[in-house]
Amino acid sequence: MERSLTYIALFAALIAALGLVPQITLATGVPITAQSLGVMLCGTVLGARRGALAAGLFVALVALGLPLLSGGRGGLGVFVSPTAGFALGFPLAAFVAGWVVEKWQASIGIAAFAGALIGGVGVLYLCGITGMALVLGKSWPEAALLVSPFIPGDLLKAGLAAGVTRGLAQLRPGAVLSRAG
């Protein structure tokens, strides 16, 4: 139990730290950040339940006003902005990424890539595009077009998450809780 709490807090901090990586803001106003990589790693390393709890802790801290999102954003106003769906989707994305790694018996690298891709890109985009459409008053396809420039970078992050998870599994197999019995 104590170990799980430590990992949950550590990975919530990882998401926050990845928000410090300088962001690149496109014309749509949505920044390219490394935080989604942290969400992917929450799932692929910690597993579904712990990964969702870590991402949920991060979202709760943002809601409390801590400026943890990229660009130093935090507070309840974040949840009515165009990026609200992405922030609110972090726990679900981490859960799905972890669930895929836990259930799919492929090698850890392949399962982690699939989990990061399905949860950290697919589910996160589903939540983010839906939120963007609602906040901006656009149709779902119009909102999807706004985020399409981010897809190549997120595919790269999914590959990076798989590589990190695979490397961690090789160096410290017990630390990859998504595969620890």
N, C-alpha and C. Protein backbone atom coordinates (compact mmCIF):
# COMPACT_ATOMS: atom_id res chain seq x y z
N MET A 1 0.82 -1.20 0.00
CA MET A 1 0.00 0.00 0.00
C MET A 1 0.87 1.26 0.00
N GLU A 2 1.85 1.29 0.90
CA GLU A 2 2.73 2.45 0.99
C GLU A 2 3.51 2.66 -0.31
N ARG A 3 3.95 1.56 -0.89
CA ARG A 3 4.68 1.64 -2.16
C ARG A 3 3.79 2.19 -3.27
N SER A 4 2.54 1.74 -3.31
CA SER A 4 1.61 2.24 -4.32
C SER A 4 1.38 3.74 -4.17
N LEU A 5 1.18 4.20 -2.95
CA LEU A 5 0.97 5.63 -2.72
C LEU A 5 2.18 6.45 -3.15
N THR A 6 3.36 5.92 -2.91
CA THR A 6 4.57 6.61 -3.31
C THR A 6 4.65 6.72 -4.83
N TYR A 7 4.36 5.62 -5.51
CA TYR A 7 4.39 5.64 -6.98
C TYR A 7 3.33 6.59 -7.55
N ILE A 8 2.14 6.58 -6.95
CA ILE A 8 1.07 7.46 -7.42
C ILE A 8 1.49 8.92 -7.30
N ALA A 9 2.03 9.29 -6.15
CA ALA A 9 2.49 10.67 -5.94
C ALA A 9 3.66 11.00 -6.87
N LEU A 10 4.57 10.08 -7.04
CA LEU A 10 5.73 10.29 -7.90
C LEU A 10 5.31 10.52 -9.35
N PHE A 11 4.36 9.74 -9.83
CA PHE A 11 3.94 9.89 -11.22
C PHE A 11 3.06 11.12 -11.43
N ALA A 12 2.32 11.54 -10.41
CA ALA A 12 1.60 12.82 -10.50
C ALA A 12 2.62 13.95 -10.62
N ALA A 13 3.70 13.84 -9.85
CA ALA A 13 4.78 14.85 -9.93
C ALA A 13 5.47 14.80 -11.29
N LEU A 14 5.59 13.61 -11.87
CA LEU A 14 6.20 13.48 -13.20
C LEU A 14 5.37 14.23 -14.24
N ILE A 15 4.05 14.08 -14.18
CA ILE A 15 3.19 14.81 -15.13
C ILE A 15 3.42 16.31 -14.96
N ALA A 16 3.48 16.76 -13.71
CA ALA A 16 3.70 18.18 -13.45
C ALA A 16 5.06 18.64 -13.98
N ALA A 17 6.09 17.84 -13.73
CA ALA A 17 7.45 18.19 -14.19
C ALA A 17 7.52 18.26 -15.71
N LEU A 18 6.81 17.37 -16.37
CA LEU A 18 6.83 17.39 -17.84
C LEU A 18 6.11 18.63 -18.40
N GLY A 19 5.32 19.28 -17.57
CA GLY A 19 4.70 20.54 -17.96
C GLY A 19 5.70 21.69 -17.99
N LEU A 20 6.85 21.49 -17.36
CA LEU A 20 7.89 22.52 -17.34
C LEU A 20 8.71 22.54 -18.62
N VAL A 21 8.65 21.45 -19.38
CA VAL A 21 9.33 21.41 -20.67
C VAL A 21 8.69 22.51 -21.52
N PRO A 22 9.49 23.39 -22.09
CA PRO A 22 8.88 24.52 -22.83
C PRO A 22 7.86 24.05 -23.86
N GLN A 23 6.70 24.72 -23.81
CA GLN A 23 5.62 24.35 -24.72
C GLN A 23 5.75 25.09 -26.04
N ILE A 24 5.15 24.50 -27.03
CA ILE A 24 5.06 25.13 -28.35
C ILE A 24 3.57 25.31 -28.61
N THR A 25 3.12 26.55 -28.77
CA THR A 25 1.71 26.81 -29.00
C THR A 25 1.45 27.04 -30.47
N LEU A 26 0.53 26.25 -31.02
CA LEU A 26 0.15 26.40 -32.42
C LEU A 26 -0.95 27.46 -32.55
N ALA A 27 -1.32 27.77 -33.76
CA ALA A 27 -2.32 28.80 -34.03
C ALA A 27 -3.68 28.48 -33.40
N THR A 28 -3.95 27.23 -33.10
CA THR A 28 -5.23 26.85 -32.51
C THR A 28 -5.32 27.25 -31.04
N GLY A 29 -4.17 27.59 -30.44
CA GLY A 29 -4.15 27.95 -29.03
C GLY A 29 -3.90 26.78 -28.11
N VAL A 30 -3.83 25.58 -28.64
CA VAL A 30 -3.56 24.40 -27.83
C VAL A 30 -2.06 24.15 -27.85
N PRO A 31 -1.43 24.10 -26.67
CA PRO A 31 0.02 23.93 -26.63
C PRO A 31 0.46 22.48 -26.83
N ILE A 32 1.60 22.31 -27.48
CA ILE A 32 2.26 21.00 -27.54
C ILE A 32 3.09 20.91 -26.27
N THR A 33 2.82 19.93 -25.46
CA THR A 33 3.54 19.76 -24.20
C THR A 33 3.98 18.31 -24.07
N ALA A 34 4.78 18.06 -23.05
CA ALA A 34 5.23 16.70 -22.77
C ALA A 34 4.35 16.02 -21.72
N GLN A 35 3.33 16.72 -21.21
CA GLN A 35 2.52 16.15 -20.13
C GLN A 35 1.77 14.90 -20.54
N SER A 36 1.36 14.80 -21.78
CA SER A 36 0.66 13.58 -22.19
C SER A 36 1.60 12.37 -22.14
N LEU A 37 2.90 12.60 -22.29
CA LEU A 37 3.87 11.51 -22.12
C LEU A 37 3.81 10.99 -20.68
N GLY A 38 3.68 11.90 -19.73
CA GLY A 38 3.55 11.50 -18.33
C GLY A 38 2.31 10.67 -18.09
N VAL A 39 1.21 11.05 -18.73
CA VAL A 39 -0.04 10.30 -18.60
C VAL A 39 0.13 8.90 -19.17
N MET A 40 0.78 8.81 -20.33
CA MET A 40 1.04 7.50 -20.94
C MET A 40 1.87 6.63 -20.00
N LEU A 41 2.92 7.22 -19.42
CA LEU A 41 3.79 6.47 -18.51
C LEU A 41 3.06 6.05 -17.24
N CYS A 42 2.14 6.86 -16.77
CA CYS A 42 1.34 6.47 -15.60
C CYS A 42 0.68 5.12 -15.87
N GLY A 43 0.07 4.99 -17.02
CA GLY A 43 -0.62 3.74 -17.34
C GLY A 43 0.33 2.60 -17.64
N THR A 44 1.32 2.85 -18.51
CA THR A 44 2.18 1.75 -18.94
C THR A 44 3.07 1.22 -17.82
N VAL A 45 3.44 2.08 -16.89
CA VAL A 45 4.32 1.65 -15.79
C VAL A 45 3.51 1.23 -14.57
N LEU A 46 2.55 2.04 -14.16
CA LEU A 46 1.82 1.77 -12.92
C LEU A 46 0.64 0.82 -13.09
N GLY A 47 0.13 0.69 -14.30
CA GLY A 47 -1.05 -0.12 -14.51
C GLY A 47 -2.31 0.74 -14.49
N ALA A 48 -3.43 0.12 -14.75
CA ALA A 48 -4.69 0.85 -14.92
C ALA A 48 -5.11 1.63 -13.68
N ARG A 49 -5.24 0.95 -12.57
CA ARG A 49 -5.78 1.58 -11.37
C ARG A 49 -4.83 2.64 -10.81
N ARG A 50 -3.59 2.26 -10.60
CA ARG A 50 -2.63 3.22 -10.04
C ARG A 50 -2.35 4.36 -11.00
N GLY A 51 -2.30 4.06 -12.29
CA GLY A 51 -2.07 5.10 -13.29
C GLY A 51 -3.19 6.12 -13.30
N ALA A 52 -4.43 5.64 -13.23
CA ALA A 52 -5.58 6.55 -13.19
C ALA A 52 -5.57 7.38 -11.91
N LEU A 53 -5.17 6.76 -10.80
CA LEU A 53 -5.10 7.51 -9.54
C LEU A 53 -4.03 8.59 -9.59
N ALA A 54 -2.88 8.29 -10.20
CA ALA A 54 -1.82 9.29 -10.32
C ALA A 54 -2.28 10.47 -11.18
N ALA A 55 -2.89 10.16 -12.33
CA ALA A 55 -3.38 11.22 -13.21
C ALA A 55 -4.53 11.97 -12.54
N GLY A 56 -5.37 11.27 -11.80
CA GLY A 56 -6.46 11.91 -11.08
C GLY A 56 -5.95 12.84 -9.99
N LEU A 57 -4.90 12.41 -9.29
CA LEU A 57 -4.28 13.28 -8.29
C LEU A 57 -3.76 14.56 -8.94
N PHE A 58 -3.12 14.42 -10.08
CA PHE A 58 -2.62 15.59 -10.80
C PHE A 58 -3.77 16.54 -11.15
N VAL A 59 -4.86 16.00 -11.69
CA VAL A 59 -6.02 16.83 -12.08
C VAL A 59 -6.62 17.50 -10.84
N ALA A 60 -6.69 16.77 -9.73
CA ALA A 60 -7.23 17.36 -8.49
C ALA A 60 -6.35 18.52 -8.02
N LEU A 61 -5.05 18.37 -8.11
CA LEU A 61 -4.15 19.45 -7.71
C LEU A 61 -4.30 20.67 -8.61
N VAL A 62 -4.52 20.43 -9.90
CA VAL A 62 -4.78 21.54 -10.83
C VAL A 62 -6.08 22.23 -10.44
N ALA A 63 -7.11 21.46 -10.13
CA ALA A 63 -8.41 22.03 -9.74
C ALA A 63 -8.29 22.86 -8.47
N LEU A 64 -7.39 22.47 -7.57
CA LEU A 64 -7.18 23.23 -6.34
C LEU A 64 -6.44 24.54 -6.58
N GLY A 65 -5.96 24.73 -7.80
CA GLY A 65 -5.32 26.00 -8.14
C GLY A 65 -3.83 25.94 -8.34
N LEU A 66 -3.22 24.78 -8.15
CA LEU A 66 -1.78 24.69 -8.36
C LEU A 66 -1.49 24.87 -9.85
N PRO A 67 -0.53 25.70 -10.20
CA PRO A 67 -0.23 25.99 -11.61
C PRO A 67 0.62 24.90 -12.25
N LEU A 68 0.06 23.70 -12.38
CA LEU A 68 0.82 22.54 -12.82
C LEU A 68 0.72 22.24 -14.31
N LEU A 69 -0.29 22.78 -14.96
CA LEU A 69 -0.40 22.55 -16.40
C LEU A 69 0.62 23.40 -17.13
N SER A 70 0.95 23.00 -18.32
CA SER A 70 1.94 23.74 -19.08
C SER A 70 1.55 25.21 -19.14
N GLY A 71 2.55 26.07 -19.11
CA GLY A 71 2.30 27.50 -19.10
C GLY A 71 1.89 28.02 -17.74
N GLY A 72 1.98 27.18 -16.70
CA GLY A 72 1.64 27.62 -15.35
C GLY A 72 0.16 27.80 -15.12
N ARG A 73 -0.65 27.02 -15.81
CA ARG A 73 -2.10 27.14 -15.65
C ARG A 73 -2.60 26.20 -14.56
N GLY A 74 -3.61 26.66 -13.84
CA GLY A 74 -4.24 25.86 -12.80
C GLY A 74 -5.51 26.55 -12.35
N GLY A 75 -6.29 25.87 -11.54
CA GLY A 75 -7.54 26.44 -11.05
C GLY A 75 -8.73 25.93 -11.84
N LEU A 76 -9.90 26.26 -11.37
CA LEU A 76 -11.12 25.75 -11.99
C LEU A 76 -11.36 26.29 -13.40
N GLY A 77 -10.79 27.46 -13.71
CA GLY A 77 -10.94 28.03 -15.04
C GLY A 77 -10.40 27.14 -16.15
N VAL A 78 -9.44 26.31 -15.80
CA VAL A 78 -8.86 25.37 -16.77
C VAL A 78 -9.95 24.45 -17.33
N PHE A 79 -10.93 24.15 -16.50
CA PHE A 79 -11.95 23.16 -16.87
C PHE A 79 -13.09 23.74 -17.70
N VAL A 80 -12.98 25.00 -18.08
CA VAL A 80 -13.92 25.59 -19.03
C VAL A 80 -13.18 26.19 -20.21
N SER A 81 -11.90 25.83 -20.35
CA SER A 81 -11.09 26.31 -21.47
C SER A 81 -11.14 25.29 -22.60
N PRO A 82 -10.61 25.65 -23.78
CA PRO A 82 -10.61 24.69 -24.89
C PRO A 82 -9.86 23.38 -24.59
N THR A 83 -8.93 23.41 -23.63
CA THR A 83 -8.17 22.20 -23.32
C THR A 83 -8.79 21.39 -22.18
N ALA A 84 -9.98 21.76 -21.73
CA ALA A 84 -10.61 21.10 -20.59
C ALA A 84 -10.76 19.59 -20.80
N GLY A 85 -11.16 19.17 -21.97
CA GLY A 85 -11.35 17.75 -22.24
C GLY A 85 -10.06 16.95 -22.12
N PHE A 86 -8.96 17.57 -22.52
CA PHE A 86 -7.67 16.89 -22.39
C PHE A 86 -7.33 16.70 -20.91
N ALA A 87 -7.43 17.77 -20.13
CA ALA A 87 -7.10 17.68 -18.70
C ALA A 87 -8.01 16.68 -17.99
N LEU A 88 -9.30 16.75 -18.25
CA LEU A 88 -10.24 15.83 -17.61
C LEU A 88 -10.06 14.40 -18.11
N GLY A 89 -9.51 14.23 -19.30
CA GLY A 89 -9.29 12.91 -19.86
C GLY A 89 -8.03 12.21 -19.37
N PHE A 90 -7.16 12.93 -18.66
CA PHE A 90 -5.90 12.32 -18.19
C PHE A 90 -6.13 11.02 -17.42
N PRO A 91 -7.01 10.99 -16.40
CA PRO A 91 -7.17 9.73 -15.65
C PRO A 91 -7.70 8.57 -16.50
N LEU A 92 -8.66 8.85 -17.37
CA LEU A 92 -9.21 7.79 -18.23
C LEU A 92 -8.15 7.29 -19.21
N ALA A 93 -7.38 8.21 -19.77
CA ALA A 93 -6.32 7.82 -20.70
C ALA A 93 -5.28 6.93 -20.02
N ALA A 94 -4.88 7.31 -18.80
CA ALA A 94 -3.90 6.50 -18.05
C ALA A 94 -4.49 5.13 -17.72
N PHE A 95 -5.77 5.10 -17.34
CA PHE A 95 -6.42 3.83 -17.02
C PHE A 95 -6.40 2.90 -18.23
N VAL A 96 -6.82 3.40 -19.37
CA VAL A 96 -6.89 2.56 -20.58
C VAL A 96 -5.50 2.10 -20.99
N ALA A 97 -4.51 3.00 -20.94
CA ALA A 97 -3.13 2.61 -21.28
C ALA A 97 -2.66 1.48 -20.39
N GLY A 98 -2.91 1.60 -19.09
CA GLY A 98 -2.51 0.56 -18.15
C GLY A 98 -3.27 -0.73 -18.34
N TRP A 99 -4.56 -0.62 -18.62
CA TRP A 99 -5.38 -1.81 -18.83
C TRP A 99 -4.88 -2.62 -20.02
N VAL A 100 -4.52 -1.93 -21.10
CA VAL A 100 -4.00 -2.62 -22.29
C VAL A 100 -2.72 -3.37 -21.94
N VAL A 101 -1.81 -2.71 -21.21
CA VAL A 101 -0.54 -3.37 -20.85
C VAL A 101 -0.79 -4.56 -19.93
N GLU A 102 -1.72 -4.41 -19.00
CA GLU A 102 -2.02 -5.51 -18.07
C GLU A 102 -2.64 -6.71 -18.78
N LYS A 103 -3.51 -6.46 -19.73
CA LYS A 103 -4.28 -7.55 -20.34
C LYS A 103 -3.62 -8.17 -21.56
N TRP A 104 -2.84 -7.37 -22.29
CA TRP A 104 -2.26 -7.89 -23.52
C TRP A 104 -0.94 -8.58 -23.21
N GLN A 105 -0.84 -9.83 -23.55
CA GLN A 105 0.32 -10.63 -23.18
C GLN A 105 1.47 -10.57 -24.19
N ALA A 106 1.50 -9.54 -25.00
CA ALA A 106 2.62 -9.33 -25.92
C ALA A 106 3.83 -8.89 -25.10
N SER A 107 4.97 -8.75 -25.75
CA SER A 107 6.15 -8.26 -25.04
C SER A 107 5.83 -6.90 -24.44
N ILE A 108 6.54 -6.54 -23.38
CA ILE A 108 6.24 -5.30 -22.66
C ILE A 108 6.38 -4.08 -23.58
N GLY A 109 7.34 -4.07 -24.48
CA GLY A 109 7.50 -2.93 -25.38
C GLY A 109 6.33 -2.76 -26.32
N ILE A 110 5.86 -3.85 -26.88
CA ILE A 110 4.73 -3.80 -27.82
C ILE A 110 3.45 -3.46 -27.06
N ALA A 111 3.24 -4.09 -25.91
CA ALA A 111 2.04 -3.81 -25.12
C ALA A 111 2.04 -2.36 -24.64
N ALA A 112 3.19 -1.84 -24.24
CA ALA A 112 3.28 -0.46 -23.78
C ALA A 112 3.01 0.51 -24.93
N PHE A 113 3.52 0.20 -26.11
CA PHE A 113 3.24 1.07 -27.27
C PHE A 113 1.75 1.06 -27.58
N ALA A 114 1.15 -0.13 -27.58
CA ALA A 114 -0.29 -0.23 -27.86
C ALA A 114 -1.10 0.50 -26.78
N GLY A 115 -0.72 0.34 -25.53
CA GLY A 115 -1.42 1.02 -24.45
C GLY A 115 -1.30 2.53 -24.55
N ALA A 116 -0.08 3.00 -24.81
CA ALA A 116 0.13 4.45 -24.95
C ALA A 116 -0.63 4.99 -26.15
N LEU A 117 -0.67 4.22 -27.21
CA LEU A 117 -1.38 4.64 -28.42
C LEU A 117 -2.90 4.65 -28.21
N ILE A 118 -3.43 3.58 -27.65
CA ILE A 118 -4.88 3.49 -27.46
C ILE A 118 -5.36 4.44 -26.36
N GLY A 119 -4.69 4.40 -25.21
CA GLY A 119 -5.10 5.24 -24.08
C GLY A 119 -4.59 6.66 -24.18
N GLY A 120 -3.27 6.79 -24.33
CA GLY A 120 -2.63 8.10 -24.28
C GLY A 120 -2.83 8.96 -25.51
N VAL A 121 -3.21 8.35 -26.62
CA VAL A 121 -3.51 9.13 -27.82
C VAL A 121 -5.00 9.01 -28.13
N GLY A 122 -5.50 7.80 -28.34
CA GLY A 122 -6.89 7.61 -28.75
C GLY A 122 -7.90 8.13 -27.75
N VAL A 123 -7.83 7.65 -26.53
CA VAL A 123 -8.79 8.07 -25.50
C VAL A 123 -8.61 9.54 -25.16
N LEU A 124 -7.36 9.98 -25.05
CA LEU A 124 -7.11 11.38 -24.71
C LEU A 124 -7.63 12.32 -25.80
N TYR A 125 -7.46 11.95 -27.05
CA TYR A 125 -7.99 12.76 -28.15
C TYR A 125 -9.52 12.74 -28.16
N LEU A 126 -10.11 11.61 -27.88
CA LEU A 126 -11.56 11.52 -27.82
C LEU A 126 -12.11 12.50 -26.78
N CYS A 127 -11.51 12.50 -25.60
CA CYS A 127 -11.93 13.43 -24.54
C CYS A 127 -11.61 14.88 -24.92
N GLY A 128 -10.40 15.11 -25.42
CA GLY A 128 -9.98 16.46 -25.75
C GLY A 128 -10.77 17.09 -26.87
N ILE A 129 -11.02 16.33 -27.92
CA ILE A 129 -11.78 16.85 -29.06
C ILE A 129 -13.23 17.12 -28.64
N THR A 130 -13.78 16.24 -27.84
CA THR A 130 -15.15 16.45 -27.36
C THR A 130 -15.23 17.72 -26.53
N GLY A 131 -14.27 17.91 -25.61
CA GLY A 131 -14.25 19.12 -24.80
C GLY A 131 -14.07 20.37 -25.64
N MET A 132 -13.18 20.29 -26.61
CA MET A 132 -12.93 21.44 -27.48
C MET A 132 -14.17 21.79 -28.29
N ALA A 133 -14.86 20.80 -28.80
CA ALA A 133 -16.08 21.05 -29.56
C ALA A 133 -17.14 21.72 -28.70
N LEU A 134 -17.28 21.26 -27.47
CA LEU A 134 -18.28 21.85 -26.57
C LEU A 134 -17.92 23.29 -26.19
N VAL A 135 -16.67 23.52 -25.81
CA VAL A 135 -16.25 24.85 -25.35
C VAL A 135 -16.23 25.86 -26.49
N LEU A 136 -15.77 25.43 -27.66
CA LEU A 136 -15.65 26.36 -28.78
C LEU A 136 -16.91 26.44 -29.64
N GLY A 137 -17.88 25.59 -29.35
CA GLY A 137 -19.11 25.60 -30.13
C GLY A 137 -18.90 25.13 -31.56
N LYS A 138 -18.00 24.19 -31.74
CA LYS A 138 -17.70 23.65 -33.06
C LYS A 138 -18.25 22.23 -33.15
N SER A 139 -18.35 21.75 -34.38
CA SER A 139 -18.74 20.36 -34.56
C SER A 139 -17.55 19.49 -34.18
N TRP A 140 -17.83 18.20 -33.93
CA TRP A 140 -16.75 17.31 -33.55
C TRP A 140 -15.69 17.23 -34.67
N PRO A 141 -16.06 17.09 -35.95
CA PRO A 141 -15.05 17.06 -37.01
C PRO A 141 -14.23 18.36 -37.09
N GLU A 142 -14.88 19.50 -36.87
CA GLU A 142 -14.14 20.77 -36.90
C GLU A 142 -13.12 20.81 -35.77
N ALA A 143 -13.51 20.37 -34.58
CA ALA A 143 -12.59 20.34 -33.45
C ALA A 143 -11.46 19.34 -33.69
N ALA A 144 -11.80 18.21 -34.31
CA ALA A 144 -10.77 17.21 -34.62
C ALA A 144 -9.72 17.78 -35.57
N LEU A 145 -10.17 18.57 -36.52
CA LEU A 145 -9.23 19.21 -37.45
C LEU A 145 -8.27 20.15 -36.72
N LEU A 146 -8.75 20.81 -35.67
CA LEU A 146 -7.91 21.74 -34.92
C LEU A 146 -6.75 21.04 -34.21
N VAL A 147 -6.96 19.80 -33.79
CA VAL A 147 -5.92 19.09 -33.06
C VAL A 147 -5.10 18.15 -33.94
N SER A 148 -5.47 18.01 -35.21
CA SER A 148 -4.75 17.07 -36.09
C SER A 148 -3.25 17.35 -36.20
N PRO A 149 -2.77 18.59 -36.10
CA PRO A 149 -1.32 18.80 -36.18
C PRO A 149 -0.54 18.16 -35.02
N PHE A 150 -1.22 17.80 -33.95
CA PHE A 150 -0.55 17.24 -32.77
C PHE A 150 -0.32 15.74 -32.87
N ILE A 151 -0.97 15.08 -33.82
CA ILE A 151 -0.91 13.63 -33.91
C ILE A 151 0.51 13.09 -34.10
N PRO A 152 1.33 13.63 -35.01
CA PRO A 152 2.68 13.09 -35.16
C PRO A 152 3.50 13.15 -33.86
N GLY A 153 3.40 14.25 -33.14
CA GLY A 153 4.14 14.37 -31.88
C GLY A 153 3.66 13.38 -30.84
N ASP A 154 2.35 13.15 -30.80
CA ASP A 154 1.82 12.21 -29.83
C ASP A 154 2.16 10.76 -30.19
N LEU A 155 2.28 10.47 -31.46
CA LEU A 155 2.74 9.14 -31.87
C LEU A 155 4.19 8.94 -31.42
N LEU A 156 4.98 9.98 -31.53
CA LEU A 156 6.37 9.93 -31.07
C LEU A 156 6.41 9.72 -29.55
N LYS A 157 5.54 10.42 -28.81
CA LYS A 157 5.48 10.25 -27.35
C LYS A 157 5.08 8.82 -26.98
N ALA A 158 4.16 8.22 -27.76
CA ALA A 158 3.76 6.84 -27.48
C ALA A 158 4.95 5.90 -27.65
N GLY A 159 5.74 6.13 -28.68
CA GLY A 159 6.95 5.33 -28.87
C GLY A 159 7.95 5.53 -27.74
N LEU A 160 8.09 6.77 -27.29
CA LEU A 160 9.00 7.07 -26.18
C LEU A 160 8.51 6.41 -24.89
N ALA A 161 7.21 6.46 -24.63
CA ALA A 161 6.64 5.81 -23.44
C ALA A 161 6.91 4.31 -23.48
N ALA A 162 6.76 3.70 -24.66
CA ALA A 162 7.02 2.27 -24.80
C ALA A 162 8.49 1.97 -24.54
N GLY A 163 9.37 2.80 -25.08
CA GLY A 163 10.80 2.59 -24.87
C GLY A 163 11.20 2.72 -23.41
N VAL A 164 10.67 3.73 -22.74
CA VAL A 164 10.98 3.93 -21.32
C VAL A 164 10.44 2.77 -20.49
N THR A 165 9.22 2.35 -20.78
CA THR A 165 8.61 1.25 -20.03
C THR A 165 9.40 -0.04 -20.25
N ARG A 166 9.77 -0.29 -21.49
CA ARG A 166 10.56 -1.50 -21.80
C ARG A 166 11.91 -1.46 -21.11
N GLY A 167 12.58 -0.30 -21.15
CA GLY A 167 13.88 -0.16 -20.50
C GLY A 167 13.78 -0.35 -19.00
N LEU A 168 12.74 0.22 -18.39
CA LEU A 168 12.54 0.06 -16.96
C LEU A 168 12.27 -1.40 -16.61
N ALA A 169 11.50 -2.08 -17.46
CA ALA A 169 11.20 -3.50 -17.22
C ALA A 169 12.46 -4.35 -17.29
N GLN A 170 13.39 -3.96 -18.15
CA GLN A 170 14.65 -4.71 -18.25
C GLN A 170 15.56 -4.43 -17.06
N LEU A 171 15.61 -3.17 -16.62
CA LEU A 171 16.51 -2.80 -15.54
C LEU A 171 15.96 -3.13 -14.16
N ARG A 172 14.67 -2.91 -13.95
CA ARG A 172 14.02 -3.14 -12.66
C ARG A 172 12.63 -3.70 -12.89
N PRO A 173 12.52 -4.96 -13.23
CA PRO A 173 11.21 -5.56 -13.57
C PRO A 173 10.13 -5.34 -12.52
N GLY A 174 10.48 -5.33 -11.27
CA GLY A 174 9.49 -5.14 -10.20
C GLY A 174 8.90 -3.74 -10.16
N ALA A 175 9.56 -2.79 -10.82
CA ALA A 175 9.08 -1.40 -10.82
C ALA A 175 7.97 -1.18 -11.84
N VAL A 176 7.81 -2.10 -12.78
CA VAL A 176 6.75 -1.97 -13.77
C VAL A 176 5.52 -2.69 -13.22
N LEU A 177 4.72 -1.93 -12.48
CA LEU A 177 3.59 -2.51 -11.76
C LEU A 177 2.49 -3.00 -12.68
N SER A 178 2.48 -2.51 -13.91
CA SER A 178 1.46 -2.96 -14.87
C SER A 178 1.65 -4.43 -15.23
N ARG A 179 2.81 -4.96 -14.99
CA ARG A 179 3.09 -6.37 -15.29
C ARG A 179 3.46 -7.18 -14.04
N ALA A 180 3.34 -6.56 -12.87
CA ALA A 180 3.71 -7.26 -11.63
C ALA A 180 2.52 -8.01 -11.09
N GLY A 181 2.34 -9.23 -11.54
CA GLY A 181 1.31 -10.14 -11.07
C GLY A 181 0.15 -9.49 -10.54
